[in-house]
Amino acid sequence: MDNTLHESKTKLLDAALHVIRAKGYTATRIEDICEAAGLTKGSFFHHFKSKEDLALAAAEYWGVVTSRLFAAAPYHAVADPLGRLLAYVDFRKALLMGELPQFTCLVGTMVQEVYDTHPLLREACDKSIRDHAATLEADIAEAMCQSSIHADWTARSLALYTQAVIQGAFILAKAQHRSDVAANCIDHLRRYLELLFTQSNTEEKPS
């Protein structure tokens, strides 16, 4: 029985990840989630009090699912810290496959709609984005040290900037309904990071 309950909750959360990314939080109905999960509204209300309750759980679940994906990603094997950062960007580009709901960000999608109306959900989305950005901070800090960079920006601010570019790339992909515009934005992010560290390193070493 416990396994059945766990499976039904996971089905609802998996359905939420897809449906909300496809329709947006506001347009998504509990009925849409249940239909996508193949479950009844009774099952839904056994696990969640409301759509917002589901969305809060989905934001946390999204963090767990994506953390596993990124923890197993090949960029971690790159020895050089700047190389790891650039390989991370390459990995983000490689994820731009399939339809828009398959590669866009759940929390980025939700927070654009709810930032002023659902503070708890906004905070959950913010936490998810910040937690992922934080996984890049150590590599950025090491790359800064390796390049002898002493700047008015920090590893944390650059890590958050990478997420701002990627979330913006998703918005453009939705606006134009195609993934290549997002890929182009990520290519620009990669070039910017290369220039940021290369130029800073050159400035520290006059010819």
N, C-alpha and C. Protein backbone atom coordinates (compact mmCIF):
# COMPACT_ATOMS: atom_id res chain seq x y z
N MET A 1 0.83 -1.20 0.00
CA MET A 1 0.00 0.00 0.00
C MET A 1 0.86 1.25 0.00
N ASP A 2 1.91 1.24 0.83
CA ASP A 2 2.79 2.40 0.89
C ASP A 2 3.47 2.63 -0.45
N ASN A 3 3.89 1.55 -1.12
CA ASN A 3 4.53 1.68 -2.42
C ASN A 3 3.56 2.26 -3.45
N THR A 4 2.30 1.84 -3.36
CA THR A 4 1.28 2.34 -4.29
C THR A 4 1.08 3.83 -4.09
N LEU A 5 1.03 4.26 -2.83
CA LEU A 5 0.85 5.68 -2.53
C LEU A 5 2.05 6.49 -3.02
N HIS A 6 3.24 5.94 -2.82
CA HIS A 6 4.45 6.62 -3.27
C HIS A 6 4.44 6.75 -4.79
N GLU A 7 4.04 5.66 -5.47
CA GLU A 7 4.02 5.67 -6.93
C GLU A 7 3.01 6.68 -7.46
N SER A 8 1.85 6.76 -6.82
CA SER A 8 0.83 7.69 -7.30
C SER A 8 1.28 9.14 -7.08
N LYS A 9 1.94 9.42 -5.98
CA LYS A 9 2.43 10.77 -5.73
C LYS A 9 3.50 11.14 -6.76
N THR A 10 4.40 10.20 -7.04
CA THR A 10 5.44 10.45 -8.02
C THR A 10 4.85 10.68 -9.40
N LYS A 11 3.81 9.93 -9.75
CA LYS A 11 3.15 10.14 -11.04
C LYS A 11 2.56 11.54 -11.13
N LEU A 12 1.96 12.00 -10.05
CA LEU A 12 1.40 13.36 -10.04
C LEU A 12 2.49 14.41 -10.17
N LEU A 13 3.61 14.20 -9.50
CA LEU A 13 4.71 15.16 -9.58
C LEU A 13 5.33 15.16 -10.98
N ASP A 14 5.52 13.97 -11.56
CA ASP A 14 6.05 13.89 -12.91
C ASP A 14 5.11 14.57 -13.90
N ALA A 15 3.81 14.37 -13.70
CA ALA A 15 2.82 15.02 -14.57
C ALA A 15 2.89 16.53 -14.42
N ALA A 16 3.06 17.00 -13.19
CA ALA A 16 3.15 18.44 -12.95
C ALA A 16 4.35 19.05 -13.67
N LEU A 17 5.48 18.35 -13.66
CA LEU A 17 6.67 18.87 -14.33
C LEU A 17 6.40 19.11 -15.81
N HIS A 18 5.68 18.19 -16.43
CA HIS A 18 5.42 18.34 -17.87
C HIS A 18 4.31 19.34 -18.15
N VAL A 19 3.18 19.18 -17.45
CA VAL A 19 2.01 20.00 -17.78
C VAL A 19 2.26 21.48 -17.48
N ILE A 20 2.86 21.78 -16.34
CA ILE A 20 3.10 23.19 -16.00
C ILE A 20 4.09 23.81 -16.96
N ARG A 21 5.11 23.06 -17.39
CA ARG A 21 6.04 23.61 -18.36
C ARG A 21 5.38 23.83 -19.72
N ALA A 22 4.35 23.03 -20.02
CA ALA A 22 3.66 23.17 -21.30
C ALA A 22 2.58 24.25 -21.27
N LYS A 23 1.85 24.34 -20.17
CA LYS A 23 0.69 25.24 -20.13
C LYS A 23 0.88 26.46 -19.24
N GLY A 24 1.90 26.42 -18.38
CA GLY A 24 2.05 27.48 -17.40
C GLY A 24 1.28 27.12 -16.13
N TYR A 25 1.68 27.75 -15.02
CA TYR A 25 1.04 27.44 -13.74
C TYR A 25 -0.42 27.85 -13.71
N THR A 26 -0.72 29.06 -14.14
CA THR A 26 -2.08 29.58 -14.02
C THR A 26 -3.07 28.78 -14.85
N ALA A 27 -2.69 28.41 -16.07
CA ALA A 27 -3.59 27.69 -16.96
C ALA A 27 -3.74 26.22 -16.60
N THR A 28 -2.81 25.69 -15.84
CA THR A 28 -2.88 24.29 -15.46
C THR A 28 -3.98 24.05 -14.43
N ARG A 29 -4.81 23.06 -14.70
CA ARG A 29 -5.87 22.68 -13.77
C ARG A 29 -5.50 21.37 -13.08
N ILE A 30 -6.08 21.16 -11.93
CA ILE A 30 -5.88 19.89 -11.24
C ILE A 30 -6.30 18.74 -12.14
N GLU A 31 -7.38 18.94 -12.90
CA GLU A 31 -7.84 17.90 -13.83
C GLU A 31 -6.78 17.56 -14.87
N ASP A 32 -6.02 18.57 -15.32
CA ASP A 32 -4.96 18.33 -16.31
C ASP A 32 -3.86 17.45 -15.73
N ILE A 33 -3.52 17.74 -14.48
CA ILE A 33 -2.49 16.95 -13.80
C ILE A 33 -2.95 15.50 -13.64
N CYS A 34 -4.18 15.33 -13.21
CA CYS A 34 -4.72 13.98 -12.99
C CYS A 34 -4.78 13.20 -14.29
N GLU A 35 -5.22 13.87 -15.36
CA GLU A 35 -5.30 13.20 -16.66
C GLU A 35 -3.92 12.77 -17.14
N ALA A 36 -2.94 13.65 -17.00
CA ALA A 36 -1.58 13.33 -17.44
C ALA A 36 -0.98 12.20 -16.60
N ALA A 37 -1.36 12.15 -15.33
CA ALA A 37 -0.83 11.12 -14.43
C ALA A 37 -1.62 9.82 -14.52
N GLY A 38 -2.82 9.88 -15.13
CA GLY A 38 -3.68 8.70 -15.19
C GLY A 38 -4.28 8.35 -13.84
N LEU A 39 -4.56 9.38 -13.03
CA LEU A 39 -5.09 9.17 -11.68
C LEU A 39 -6.33 10.02 -11.46
N THR A 40 -7.05 9.74 -10.40
CA THR A 40 -8.28 10.45 -10.09
C THR A 40 -8.01 11.67 -9.22
N LYS A 41 -9.00 12.56 -9.15
CA LYS A 41 -8.87 13.72 -8.27
C LYS A 41 -8.81 13.27 -6.81
N GLY A 42 -9.45 12.15 -6.50
CA GLY A 42 -9.36 11.62 -5.14
C GLY A 42 -7.93 11.31 -4.77
N SER A 43 -7.20 10.72 -5.72
CA SER A 43 -5.79 10.42 -5.49
C SER A 43 -5.00 11.71 -5.32
N PHE A 44 -5.33 12.72 -6.14
CA PHE A 44 -4.64 14.01 -6.03
C PHE A 44 -4.81 14.59 -4.63
N PHE A 45 -6.04 14.65 -4.16
CA PHE A 45 -6.30 15.29 -2.86
C PHE A 45 -5.87 14.43 -1.68
N HIS A 46 -5.56 13.18 -1.95
CA HIS A 46 -4.96 12.36 -0.90
C HIS A 46 -3.54 12.85 -0.60
N HIS A 47 -2.87 13.35 -1.65
CA HIS A 47 -1.47 13.76 -1.50
C HIS A 47 -1.28 15.27 -1.34
N PHE A 48 -2.19 16.05 -1.96
CA PHE A 48 -2.00 17.50 -1.99
C PHE A 48 -3.29 18.22 -1.62
N LYS A 49 -3.14 19.34 -0.90
CA LYS A 49 -4.30 20.11 -0.47
C LYS A 49 -4.86 20.99 -1.58
N SER A 50 -4.00 21.39 -2.50
CA SER A 50 -4.39 22.35 -3.53
C SER A 50 -3.38 22.31 -4.67
N LYS A 51 -3.66 23.07 -5.72
CA LYS A 51 -2.70 23.17 -6.83
C LYS A 51 -1.41 23.82 -6.36
N GLU A 52 -1.51 24.83 -5.50
CA GLU A 52 -0.29 25.47 -4.99
C GLU A 52 0.53 24.49 -4.16
N ASP A 53 -0.14 23.67 -3.37
CA ASP A 53 0.56 22.66 -2.58
C ASP A 53 1.33 21.71 -3.49
N LEU A 54 0.68 21.30 -4.58
CA LEU A 54 1.36 20.46 -5.57
C LEU A 54 2.55 21.20 -6.18
N ALA A 55 2.36 22.47 -6.54
CA ALA A 55 3.43 23.23 -7.18
C ALA A 55 4.64 23.38 -6.25
N LEU A 56 4.38 23.58 -4.96
CA LEU A 56 5.48 23.67 -4.00
C LEU A 56 6.26 22.36 -3.95
N ALA A 57 5.52 21.25 -3.93
CA ALA A 57 6.16 19.93 -3.93
C ALA A 57 6.89 19.69 -5.25
N ALA A 58 6.30 20.16 -6.34
CA ALA A 58 6.92 19.97 -7.66
C ALA A 58 8.22 20.76 -7.76
N ALA A 59 8.26 21.96 -7.19
CA ALA A 59 9.50 22.74 -7.21
C ALA A 59 10.61 22.01 -6.47
N GLU A 60 10.28 21.42 -5.34
CA GLU A 60 11.27 20.65 -4.58
C GLU A 60 11.68 19.39 -5.35
N TYR A 61 10.70 18.72 -5.93
CA TYR A 61 10.95 17.50 -6.72
C TYR A 61 11.82 17.83 -7.93
N TRP A 62 11.55 18.97 -8.57
CA TRP A 62 12.36 19.41 -9.70
C TRP A 62 13.82 19.54 -9.28
N GLY A 63 14.05 20.10 -8.10
CA GLY A 63 15.41 20.23 -7.61
C GLY A 63 16.09 18.89 -7.43
N VAL A 64 15.35 17.91 -6.92
CA VAL A 64 15.91 16.57 -6.72
C VAL A 64 16.23 15.92 -8.06
N VAL A 65 15.29 15.97 -8.98
CA VAL A 65 15.47 15.34 -10.29
C VAL A 65 16.63 15.96 -11.05
N THR A 66 16.66 17.29 -11.10
CA THR A 66 17.72 17.96 -11.86
C THR A 66 19.08 17.82 -11.17
N SER A 67 19.08 17.78 -9.85
CA SER A 67 20.36 17.60 -9.12
C SER A 67 21.00 16.27 -9.49
N ARG A 68 20.18 15.23 -9.59
CA ARG A 68 20.70 13.92 -9.99
C ARG A 68 21.27 13.97 -11.40
N LEU A 69 20.55 14.64 -12.29
CA LEU A 69 21.00 14.75 -13.68
C LEU A 69 22.35 15.46 -13.76
N PHE A 70 22.46 16.60 -13.09
CA PHE A 70 23.69 17.37 -13.18
C PHE A 70 24.83 16.74 -12.40
N ALA A 71 24.52 16.05 -11.32
CA ALA A 71 25.58 15.39 -10.55
C ALA A 71 26.26 14.29 -11.36
N ALA A 72 25.52 13.67 -12.27
CA ALA A 72 26.06 12.58 -13.08
C ALA A 72 26.60 13.07 -14.43
N ALA A 73 26.56 14.37 -14.68
CA ALA A 73 26.95 14.91 -15.98
C ALA A 73 28.46 14.83 -16.19
N PRO A 74 28.90 14.69 -17.43
CA PRO A 74 30.33 14.47 -17.71
C PRO A 74 31.23 15.67 -17.47
N TYR A 75 30.68 16.87 -17.35
CA TYR A 75 31.55 18.04 -17.18
C TYR A 75 32.33 18.00 -15.88
N HIS A 76 31.86 17.24 -14.90
CA HIS A 76 32.58 17.15 -13.63
C HIS A 76 33.95 16.49 -13.78
N ALA A 77 34.12 15.72 -14.85
CA ALA A 77 35.38 14.99 -15.04
C ALA A 77 36.48 15.86 -15.63
N VAL A 78 36.15 17.06 -16.08
CA VAL A 78 37.16 17.95 -16.66
C VAL A 78 38.07 18.48 -15.55
N ALA A 79 39.36 18.38 -15.76
CA ALA A 79 40.31 18.73 -14.69
C ALA A 79 40.41 20.23 -14.45
N ASP A 80 40.43 21.02 -15.50
CA ASP A 80 40.61 22.46 -15.38
C ASP A 80 39.30 23.13 -14.95
N PRO A 81 39.32 24.02 -13.96
CA PRO A 81 38.07 24.62 -13.46
C PRO A 81 37.32 25.44 -14.51
N LEU A 82 38.04 26.23 -15.31
CA LEU A 82 37.36 26.96 -16.38
C LEU A 82 36.82 25.99 -17.42
N GLY A 83 37.57 24.95 -17.69
CA GLY A 83 37.11 23.92 -18.61
C GLY A 83 35.83 23.26 -18.11
N ARG A 84 35.74 23.04 -16.79
CA ARG A 84 34.51 22.45 -16.22
C ARG A 84 33.34 23.39 -16.41
N LEU A 85 33.58 24.69 -16.17
CA LEU A 85 32.51 25.67 -16.31
C LEU A 85 32.02 25.72 -17.76
N LEU A 86 32.95 25.74 -18.69
CA LEU A 86 32.56 25.77 -20.11
C LEU A 86 31.88 24.47 -20.52
N ALA A 87 32.34 23.36 -19.97
CA ALA A 87 31.71 22.08 -20.27
C ALA A 87 30.29 22.02 -19.69
N TYR A 88 30.09 22.68 -18.55
CA TYR A 88 28.73 22.80 -18.00
C TYR A 88 27.82 23.53 -18.98
N VAL A 89 28.32 24.64 -19.54
CA VAL A 89 27.53 25.39 -20.52
C VAL A 89 27.24 24.53 -21.74
N ASP A 90 28.23 23.77 -22.19
CA ASP A 90 28.02 22.86 -23.32
C ASP A 90 26.95 21.82 -22.99
N PHE A 91 26.96 21.35 -21.75
CA PHE A 91 25.96 20.37 -21.32
C PHE A 91 24.57 20.97 -21.34
N ARG A 92 24.45 22.23 -20.89
CA ARG A 92 23.15 22.89 -20.93
C ARG A 92 22.63 23.00 -22.36
N LYS A 93 23.53 23.30 -23.28
CA LYS A 93 23.13 23.39 -24.68
C LYS A 93 22.70 22.01 -25.20
N ALA A 94 23.41 20.98 -24.80
CA ALA A 94 23.08 19.62 -25.26
C ALA A 94 21.71 19.17 -24.78
N LEU A 95 21.22 19.78 -23.70
CA LEU A 95 19.91 19.40 -23.17
C LEU A 95 18.75 20.00 -23.95
N LEU A 96 19.03 20.86 -24.91
CA LEU A 96 17.98 21.52 -25.69
C LEU A 96 17.46 20.58 -26.77
N MET A 97 16.80 19.52 -26.33
CA MET A 97 16.31 18.51 -27.25
C MET A 97 14.80 18.32 -27.07
N GLY A 98 14.13 17.95 -28.14
CA GLY A 98 12.71 17.67 -28.06
C GLY A 98 11.86 18.92 -28.06
N GLU A 99 10.62 18.77 -27.61
CA GLU A 99 9.69 19.89 -27.54
C GLU A 99 10.04 20.81 -26.38
N LEU A 100 9.55 22.05 -26.42
CA LEU A 100 9.87 23.04 -25.39
C LEU A 100 9.61 22.55 -23.96
N PRO A 101 8.46 21.90 -23.69
CA PRO A 101 8.23 21.46 -22.30
C PRO A 101 9.22 20.42 -21.81
N GLN A 102 9.97 19.82 -22.73
CA GLN A 102 10.92 18.79 -22.34
C GLN A 102 12.25 19.35 -21.87
N PHE A 103 12.57 20.59 -22.25
CA PHE A 103 13.87 21.13 -21.84
C PHE A 103 13.79 22.46 -21.10
N THR A 104 12.65 23.12 -21.07
CA THR A 104 12.57 24.38 -20.33
C THR A 104 12.46 24.12 -18.83
N CYS A 105 12.61 25.16 -18.05
CA CYS A 105 12.74 25.02 -16.60
C CYS A 105 11.39 25.19 -15.89
N LEU A 106 11.06 24.24 -15.05
CA LEU A 106 9.80 24.31 -14.30
C LEU A 106 9.74 25.55 -13.42
N VAL A 107 10.77 25.77 -12.61
CA VAL A 107 10.72 26.87 -11.65
C VAL A 107 10.83 28.22 -12.35
N GLY A 108 11.58 28.27 -13.44
CA GLY A 108 11.64 29.50 -14.21
C GLY A 108 10.30 29.84 -14.84
N THR A 109 9.60 28.81 -15.29
CA THR A 109 8.27 28.99 -15.86
C THR A 109 7.30 29.51 -14.81
N MET A 110 7.30 28.89 -13.65
CA MET A 110 6.32 29.25 -12.62
C MET A 110 6.57 30.63 -12.05
N VAL A 111 7.83 30.96 -11.78
CA VAL A 111 8.10 32.21 -11.07
C VAL A 111 7.74 33.43 -11.90
N GLN A 112 7.78 33.31 -13.22
CA GLN A 112 7.38 34.43 -14.06
C GLN A 112 5.90 34.79 -13.86
N GLU A 113 5.09 33.78 -13.49
CA GLU A 113 3.67 34.01 -13.30
C GLU A 113 3.29 34.37 -11.87
N VAL A 114 4.01 33.81 -10.91
CA VAL A 114 3.52 33.85 -9.52
C VAL A 114 4.31 34.76 -8.60
N TYR A 115 5.33 35.46 -9.12
CA TYR A 115 6.26 36.17 -8.24
C TYR A 115 5.56 37.18 -7.33
N ASP A 116 4.43 37.73 -7.78
CA ASP A 116 3.75 38.74 -6.97
C ASP A 116 2.48 38.24 -6.30
N THR A 117 2.05 37.04 -6.66
CA THR A 117 0.76 36.55 -6.16
C THR A 117 0.87 35.35 -5.23
N HIS A 118 1.96 34.59 -5.32
CA HIS A 118 2.15 33.38 -4.50
C HIS A 118 3.54 33.42 -3.88
N PRO A 119 3.72 34.17 -2.79
CA PRO A 119 5.07 34.35 -2.23
C PRO A 119 5.78 33.06 -1.84
N LEU A 120 5.04 32.09 -1.32
CA LEU A 120 5.69 30.83 -0.95
C LEU A 120 6.22 30.10 -2.17
N LEU A 121 5.46 30.14 -3.24
CA LEU A 121 5.89 29.49 -4.47
C LEU A 121 7.06 30.26 -5.10
N ARG A 122 7.01 31.59 -5.03
CA ARG A 122 8.12 32.39 -5.53
C ARG A 122 9.40 32.04 -4.77
N GLU A 123 9.31 31.92 -3.46
CA GLU A 123 10.48 31.58 -2.65
C GLU A 123 11.01 30.20 -3.00
N ALA A 124 10.11 29.25 -3.26
CA ALA A 124 10.53 27.89 -3.61
C ALA A 124 11.26 27.89 -4.95
N CYS A 125 10.76 28.68 -5.90
CA CYS A 125 11.41 28.78 -7.21
C CYS A 125 12.77 29.45 -7.07
N ASP A 126 12.83 30.50 -6.30
CA ASP A 126 14.09 31.21 -6.08
C ASP A 126 15.13 30.27 -5.46
N LYS A 127 14.71 29.50 -4.47
CA LYS A 127 15.62 28.56 -3.81
C LYS A 127 16.16 27.54 -4.81
N SER A 128 15.28 27.02 -5.66
CA SER A 128 15.71 26.03 -6.64
C SER A 128 16.75 26.61 -7.59
N ILE A 129 16.52 27.81 -8.08
CA ILE A 129 17.46 28.44 -9.01
C ILE A 129 18.78 28.76 -8.30
N ARG A 130 18.70 29.30 -7.08
CA ARG A 130 19.92 29.64 -6.34
C ARG A 130 20.71 28.39 -5.97
N ASP A 131 20.01 27.33 -5.59
CA ASP A 131 20.70 26.09 -5.23
C ASP A 131 21.48 25.53 -6.41
N HIS A 132 20.88 25.60 -7.59
CA HIS A 132 21.61 25.09 -8.76
C HIS A 132 22.78 26.00 -9.10
N ALA A 133 22.58 27.29 -9.05
CA ALA A 133 23.68 28.22 -9.32
C ALA A 133 24.84 27.97 -8.37
N ALA A 134 24.52 27.65 -7.13
CA ALA A 134 25.56 27.43 -6.12
C ALA A 134 26.48 26.26 -6.48
N THR A 135 26.00 25.32 -7.29
CA THR A 135 26.85 24.18 -7.67
C THR A 135 27.99 24.61 -8.58
N LEU A 136 27.89 25.81 -9.15
CA LEU A 136 28.95 26.31 -10.04
C LEU A 136 29.97 27.18 -9.31
N GLU A 137 29.66 27.61 -8.11
CA GLU A 137 30.48 28.61 -7.43
C GLU A 137 31.91 28.14 -7.18
N ALA A 138 32.07 26.90 -6.77
CA ALA A 138 33.42 26.41 -6.46
C ALA A 138 34.30 26.41 -7.70
N ASP A 139 33.76 25.97 -8.83
CA ASP A 139 34.53 25.96 -10.07
C ASP A 139 34.88 27.37 -10.52
N ILE A 140 33.91 28.30 -10.39
CA ILE A 140 34.17 29.69 -10.77
C ILE A 140 35.24 30.30 -9.87
N ALA A 141 35.13 30.06 -8.58
CA ALA A 141 36.11 30.60 -7.63
C ALA A 141 37.50 30.05 -7.93
N GLU A 142 37.58 28.76 -8.25
CA GLU A 142 38.88 28.16 -8.57
C GLU A 142 39.44 28.73 -9.86
N ALA A 143 38.56 28.95 -10.84
CA ALA A 143 39.00 29.54 -12.11
C ALA A 143 39.47 30.97 -11.90
N MET A 144 38.80 31.72 -11.03
CA MET A 144 39.23 33.09 -10.72
C MET A 144 40.61 33.09 -10.08
N CYS A 145 40.81 32.17 -9.17
CA CYS A 145 42.10 32.08 -8.50
C CYS A 145 43.19 31.69 -9.49
N GLN A 146 42.89 30.73 -10.36
CA GLN A 146 43.86 30.26 -11.34
C GLN A 146 44.25 31.37 -12.31
N SER A 147 43.28 32.25 -12.63
CA SER A 147 43.54 33.36 -13.56
C SER A 147 43.95 34.64 -12.84
N SER A 148 44.13 34.55 -11.51
CA SER A 148 44.52 35.72 -10.69
C SER A 148 43.55 36.88 -10.88
N ILE A 149 42.27 36.57 -10.85
CA ILE A 149 41.25 37.60 -11.04
C ILE A 149 40.85 38.18 -9.69
N HIS A 150 40.99 39.49 -9.57
CA HIS A 150 40.52 40.23 -8.40
C HIS A 150 39.58 41.30 -8.93
N ALA A 151 38.29 41.06 -8.84
CA ALA A 151 37.32 41.92 -9.52
C ALA A 151 36.23 42.36 -8.55
N ASP A 152 35.35 43.23 -9.07
CA ASP A 152 34.23 43.68 -8.25
C ASP A 152 33.01 42.77 -8.41
N TRP A 153 33.22 41.62 -9.06
CA TRP A 153 32.18 40.61 -9.13
C TRP A 153 32.66 39.36 -8.41
N THR A 154 31.74 38.49 -8.04
CA THR A 154 32.07 37.31 -7.24
C THR A 154 31.68 36.04 -7.98
N ALA A 155 32.16 34.94 -7.46
CA ALA A 155 31.79 33.63 -8.02
C ALA A 155 30.28 33.44 -7.95
N ARG A 156 29.69 33.89 -6.86
CA ARG A 156 28.23 33.76 -6.72
C ARG A 156 27.49 34.59 -7.75
N SER A 157 27.93 35.83 -7.96
CA SER A 157 27.22 36.69 -8.91
C SER A 157 27.34 36.15 -10.33
N LEU A 158 28.49 35.59 -10.68
CA LEU A 158 28.65 35.03 -12.02
C LEU A 158 27.84 33.75 -12.17
N ALA A 159 27.78 32.96 -11.12
CA ALA A 159 26.96 31.74 -11.16
C ALA A 159 25.49 32.09 -11.39
N LEU A 160 25.00 33.12 -10.70
CA LEU A 160 23.62 33.55 -10.90
C LEU A 160 23.42 34.13 -12.30
N TYR A 161 24.43 34.82 -12.81
CA TYR A 161 24.34 35.37 -14.16
C TYR A 161 24.16 34.25 -15.19
N THR A 162 24.87 33.15 -15.03
CA THR A 162 24.72 32.04 -15.97
C THR A 162 23.27 31.57 -16.00
N GLN A 163 22.64 31.54 -14.83
CA GLN A 163 21.24 31.10 -14.78
C GLN A 163 20.30 32.12 -15.39
N ALA A 164 20.64 33.42 -15.22
CA ALA A 164 19.82 34.46 -15.83
C ALA A 164 19.84 34.34 -17.35
N VAL A 165 21.02 34.07 -17.91
CA VAL A 165 21.12 33.91 -19.36
C VAL A 165 20.35 32.68 -19.83
N ILE A 166 20.50 31.59 -19.11
CA ILE A 166 19.83 30.35 -19.52
C ILE A 166 18.31 30.49 -19.40
N GLN A 167 17.83 31.11 -18.32
CA GLN A 167 16.38 31.32 -18.18
C GLN A 167 15.88 32.27 -19.28
N GLY A 168 16.66 33.29 -19.59
CA GLY A 168 16.28 34.19 -20.67
C GLY A 168 16.26 33.48 -22.01
N ALA A 169 17.18 32.55 -22.20
CA ALA A 169 17.21 31.76 -23.43
C ALA A 169 15.93 30.93 -23.57
N PHE A 170 15.45 30.40 -22.45
CA PHE A 170 14.20 29.64 -22.48
C PHE A 170 13.02 30.54 -22.86
N ILE A 171 13.01 31.76 -22.34
CA ILE A 171 11.93 32.70 -22.66
C ILE A 171 11.91 32.99 -24.16
N LEU A 172 13.09 33.23 -24.75
CA LEU A 172 13.15 33.48 -26.18
C LEU A 172 12.72 32.26 -26.98
N ALA A 173 13.10 31.07 -26.51
CA ALA A 173 12.69 29.85 -27.19
C ALA A 173 11.17 29.71 -27.20
N LYS A 174 10.54 30.08 -26.09
CA LYS A 174 9.08 30.04 -26.02
C LYS A 174 8.47 31.10 -26.92
N ALA A 175 9.05 32.30 -26.90
CA ALA A 175 8.50 33.40 -27.69
C ALA A 175 8.56 33.10 -29.18
N GLN A 176 9.64 32.46 -29.61
CA GLN A 176 9.82 32.17 -31.03
C GLN A 176 9.46 30.72 -31.38
N HIS A 177 9.13 29.96 -30.34
CA HIS A 177 8.72 28.56 -30.49
C HIS A 177 9.74 27.72 -31.26
N ARG A 178 11.00 27.90 -30.88
CA ARG A 178 12.06 27.11 -31.49
C ARG A 178 13.26 27.10 -30.54
N SER A 179 14.02 26.02 -30.60
CA SER A 179 15.11 25.85 -29.64
C SER A 179 16.42 26.49 -30.09
N ASP A 180 16.59 26.74 -31.41
CA ASP A 180 17.88 27.21 -31.86
C ASP A 180 18.22 28.60 -31.31
N VAL A 181 17.20 29.42 -31.05
CA VAL A 181 17.48 30.74 -30.48
C VAL A 181 18.06 30.59 -29.07
N ALA A 182 17.60 29.59 -28.32
CA ALA A 182 18.17 29.32 -27.00
C ALA A 182 19.60 28.83 -27.12
N ALA A 183 19.85 27.98 -28.11
CA ALA A 183 21.21 27.49 -28.34
C ALA A 183 22.16 28.64 -28.67
N ASN A 184 21.70 29.60 -29.46
CA ASN A 184 22.53 30.75 -29.80
C ASN A 184 22.87 31.57 -28.56
N CYS A 185 21.89 31.74 -27.67
CA CYS A 185 22.14 32.49 -26.43
C CYS A 185 23.18 31.78 -25.57
N ILE A 186 23.08 30.47 -25.50
CA ILE A 186 24.03 29.70 -24.69
C ILE A 186 25.43 29.75 -25.32
N ASP A 187 25.50 29.78 -26.65
CA ASP A 187 26.79 29.96 -27.31
C ASP A 187 27.41 31.31 -26.92
N HIS A 188 26.59 32.35 -26.88
CA HIS A 188 27.09 33.68 -26.48
C HIS A 188 27.56 33.66 -25.03
N LEU A 189 26.84 32.95 -24.16
CA LEU A 189 27.26 32.82 -22.77
C LEU A 189 28.63 32.17 -22.69
N ARG A 190 28.83 31.13 -23.47
CA ARG A 190 30.13 30.45 -23.46
C ARG A 190 31.25 31.39 -23.91
N ARG A 191 30.99 32.12 -25.00
CA ARG A 191 32.00 33.07 -25.49
C ARG A 191 32.30 34.15 -24.45
N TYR A 192 31.25 34.62 -23.76
CA TYR A 192 31.45 35.64 -22.74
C TYR A 192 32.33 35.12 -21.61
N LEU A 193 32.07 33.91 -21.17
CA LEU A 193 32.85 33.34 -20.07
C LEU A 193 34.31 33.16 -20.49
N GLU A 194 34.52 32.69 -21.70
CA GLU A 194 35.90 32.55 -22.19
C GLU A 194 36.61 33.90 -22.20
N LEU A 195 35.94 34.92 -22.73
CA LEU A 195 36.55 36.25 -22.80
C LEU A 195 36.77 36.83 -21.41
N LEU A 196 35.84 36.61 -20.51
CA LEU A 196 35.94 37.16 -19.16
C LEU A 196 37.21 36.68 -18.48
N PHE A 197 37.47 35.39 -18.59
CA PHE A 197 38.64 34.84 -17.92
C PHE A 197 39.92 35.06 -18.72
N THR A 198 39.84 34.99 -20.04
CA THR A 198 41.02 35.18 -20.87
C THR A 198 41.50 36.62 -20.81
N GLN A 199 40.59 37.58 -20.96
CA GLN A 199 40.97 38.99 -20.93
C GLN A 199 41.48 39.39 -19.55
N SER A 200 40.80 38.90 -18.51
CA SER A 200 41.24 39.24 -17.14
C SER A 200 42.64 38.69 -16.89
N ASN A 201 42.90 37.49 -17.40
CA ASN A 201 44.21 36.88 -17.21
C ASN A 201 45.27 37.66 -17.99
N THR A 202 44.93 38.12 -19.19
CA THR A 202 45.88 38.88 -20.02
C THR A 202 46.21 40.23 -19.36
N GLU A 203 45.18 40.86 -18.76
CA GLU A 203 45.40 42.16 -18.11
C GLU A 203 46.34 42.04 -16.91
N GLU A 204 46.35 40.85 -16.29
CA GLU A 204 47.24 40.66 -15.14
C GLU A 204 48.69 40.40 -15.58
N LYS A 205 48.87 40.07 -16.91
CA LYS A 205 50.19 39.70 -17.38
C LYS A 205 50.58 40.58 -18.57
N PRO A 206 51.04 41.80 -18.33
CA PRO A 206 51.38 42.69 -19.44
C PRO A 206 52.53 42.13 -20.27
N SER A 207 52.48 42.42 -21.57
CA SER A 207 53.51 41.89 -22.48
C SER A 207 54.80 42.74 -22.36
